[in-house]
Protein backbone atom coordinates (compact mmCIF):
# COMPACT_ATOMS: atom_id res chain seq x y z
CA UNK A 1 0.00 0.00 0.00
CA UNK A 2 2.83 2.36 0.90
CA UNK A 3 4.53 1.95 -2.48
CA UNK A 4 1.25 2.69 -4.29
CA UNK A 5 0.60 5.79 -2.19
CA UNK A 6 4.13 7.11 -2.72
CA UNK A 7 3.75 6.55 -6.46
CA UNK A 8 0.39 8.39 -6.41
CA UNK A 9 2.02 11.32 -4.60
CA UNK A 10 4.77 11.39 -7.22
CA UNK A 11 2.16 11.44 -10.00
CA UNK A 12 0.47 14.48 -8.47
CA UNK A 13 3.85 16.11 -7.84
CA UNK A 14 4.76 15.60 -11.50
CA UNK A 15 1.88 17.83 -12.65
CA UNK A 16 3.38 21.19 -11.59
CA UNK A 17 6.93 19.97 -12.26
CA UNK A 18 6.25 19.09 -15.90
CA UNK A 19 4.06 22.17 -16.47
CA UNK A 20 6.68 24.60 -15.19
CA UNK A 21 8.99 26.19 -17.71
CA UNK A 22 10.86 28.12 -15.04
CA UNK A 23 13.06 26.72 -12.35
CA UNK A 24 15.90 24.22 -12.37
CA UNK A 25 15.63 21.38 -14.89
CA UNK A 26 17.11 18.85 -12.47
CA UNK A 27 13.80 18.78 -10.58
CA UNK A 28 12.03 17.02 -13.45
CA UNK A 29 14.91 14.54 -13.65
CA UNK A 30 14.68 13.97 -9.90
CA UNK A 31 10.91 13.36 -10.00
CA UNK A 32 11.25 11.05 -13.02
CA UNK A 33 14.02 9.14 -11.23
CA UNK A 34 11.91 8.72 -8.09
CA UNK A 35 8.98 7.51 -10.21
CA UNK A 36 11.29 4.98 -11.88
CA UNK A 37 12.73 3.76 -8.57
CA UNK A 38 9.25 3.41 -7.10
CA UNK A 39 8.08 1.53 -10.19
CA UNK A 40 10.94 -0.91 -9.70
CA UNK A 41 10.18 -1.23 -5.99
CA UNK A 42 6.60 -2.14 -6.82
CA UNK A 43 7.73 -4.70 -9.37
CA UNK A 44 10.14 -6.27 -6.89
CA UNK A 45 7.29 -6.87 -4.43
CA UNK A 46 5.34 -9.10 -6.83
CA UNK A 47 7.17 -12.41 -6.22
CA UNK A 48 6.82 -12.23 -2.42
CA UNK A 49 3.26 -10.93 -2.75
CA UNK A 50 2.38 -13.92 -4.95
CA UNK A 51 4.00 -16.43 -2.58
CA UNK A 52 2.43 -14.93 0.54
CA UNK A 53 -1.09 -14.86 -0.87
CA UNK A 54 -1.22 -18.08 -2.86
CA UNK A 55 1.67 -20.21 -1.61
CA UNK A 56 4.41 -22.04 -3.47
CA UNK A 57 2.38 -24.90 -4.91
CA UNK A 58 1.44 -23.05 -8.11
CA UNK A 59 3.83 -20.12 -7.72
CA UNK A 60 5.02 -20.17 -11.33
CA UNK A 61 1.51 -20.10 -12.77
CA UNK A 62 0.23 -17.51 -10.30
CA UNK A 63 3.24 -15.24 -10.80
CA UNK A 64 2.87 -15.60 -14.57
CA UNK A 65 -0.76 -14.48 -14.38
CA UNK A 66 0.14 -11.56 -12.11
CA UNK A 67 3.02 -10.48 -14.34
CA UNK A 68 0.86 -10.80 -17.48
CA UNK A 69 -1.77 -8.56 -15.87
CA UNK A 70 1.01 -6.03 -15.16
CA UNK A 71 2.01 -6.12 -18.83
CA UNK A 72 -1.55 -5.77 -20.09
CA UNK A 73 -2.02 -2.79 -17.77
CA UNK A 74 1.13 -1.21 -19.19
CA UNK A 75 -0.10 -1.72 -22.74
CA UNK A 76 -3.65 -0.49 -22.14
CA UNK A 77 -2.74 2.47 -19.93
CA UNK A 78 0.03 3.68 -22.25
CA UNK A 79 -2.60 3.80 -25.00
CA UNK A 80 -4.94 5.69 -22.65
CA UNK A 81 -2.13 8.15 -21.86
CA UNK A 82 -1.60 8.81 -25.57
CA UNK A 83 -5.31 9.44 -26.04
CA UNK A 84 -5.44 11.80 -23.04
CA UNK A 85 -2.38 13.70 -24.30
CA UNK A 86 -3.91 14.13 -27.74
CA UNK A 87 -7.28 15.17 -26.32
CA UNK A 88 -5.64 17.90 -24.22
CA UNK A 89 -3.86 19.75 -27.00
CA UNK A 90 -4.23 23.50 -26.95
CA UNK A 91 -4.68 25.82 -29.95
CA UNK A 92 -0.92 25.86 -30.57
CA UNK A 93 -0.95 22.05 -30.77
CA UNK A 94 0.95 21.57 -27.53
CA UNK A 95 -0.30 18.63 -25.48
CA UNK A 96 -0.43 18.26 -21.72
CA UNK A 97 0.34 15.31 -19.48
CA UNK A 98 -1.77 16.70 -16.62
CA UNK A 99 -4.79 14.44 -17.21
CA UNK A 100 -2.48 11.43 -17.60
CA UNK A 101 -0.83 12.10 -14.23
CA UNK A 102 -4.22 12.67 -12.58
CA UNK A 103 -5.59 9.42 -14.03
CA UNK A 104 -2.51 7.48 -12.91
CA UNK A 105 -2.65 9.04 -9.43
CA UNK A 106 -6.33 8.17 -9.01
CA UNK A 107 -5.77 4.58 -10.20
CA UNK A 108 -2.87 4.23 -7.75
CA UNK A 109 -5.04 5.48 -4.89
CA UNK A 110 -7.73 2.97 -5.90
CA UNK A 111 -5.09 0.23 -5.91
CA UNK A 112 -3.86 1.27 -2.47
CA UNK A 113 -7.44 1.25 -1.19
CA UNK A 114 -8.00 -2.23 -2.64
CA UNK A 115 -5.10 -3.52 -0.55
CA UNK A 116 -7.33 -2.95 2.49
CA UNK A 117 -9.64 -5.68 1.15
CA UNK A 118 -6.88 -8.31 1.15
CA UNK A 119 -7.14 -10.96 3.79
CA UNK A 120 -4.06 -11.88 5.79
CA UNK A 121 -2.43 -15.12 4.65
CA UNK A 122 -3.17 -18.19 6.72
CA UNK A 123 -0.78 -18.74 9.62
CA UNK A 124 -0.93 -22.51 9.11
CA UNK A 125 2.04 -23.86 7.16
CA UNK A 126 1.27 -25.01 3.65
CA UNK A 127 2.21 -28.58 3.04
CA UNK A 128 1.97 -28.62 -0.71
């Protein structure tokens, strides 16, 4: 949940950072770097998340399904981002990423909220 909330905060922070033409340019690099690190942190949690929730018996299949869903989300949401960017072009033809960051931030908050619905893994050891 924490990783999702940090990523959501970074999405909302990216709105004024990418819109600003003044100020030091290293700030946008810093925010982009933090987004990338957090993305990797989230991805590194998937194997342990899969094992803790569904055990080791079908770990390979379950992790494959989880990782495939991650890939489908990346494909679908990158297309959505392109559509949002195009839809937000001004008269000069300059697009904006603001709606893309807002959409990503809201989806991350929804994901963090959904973690509250997860049940704790069983404390009994799994035999198979």
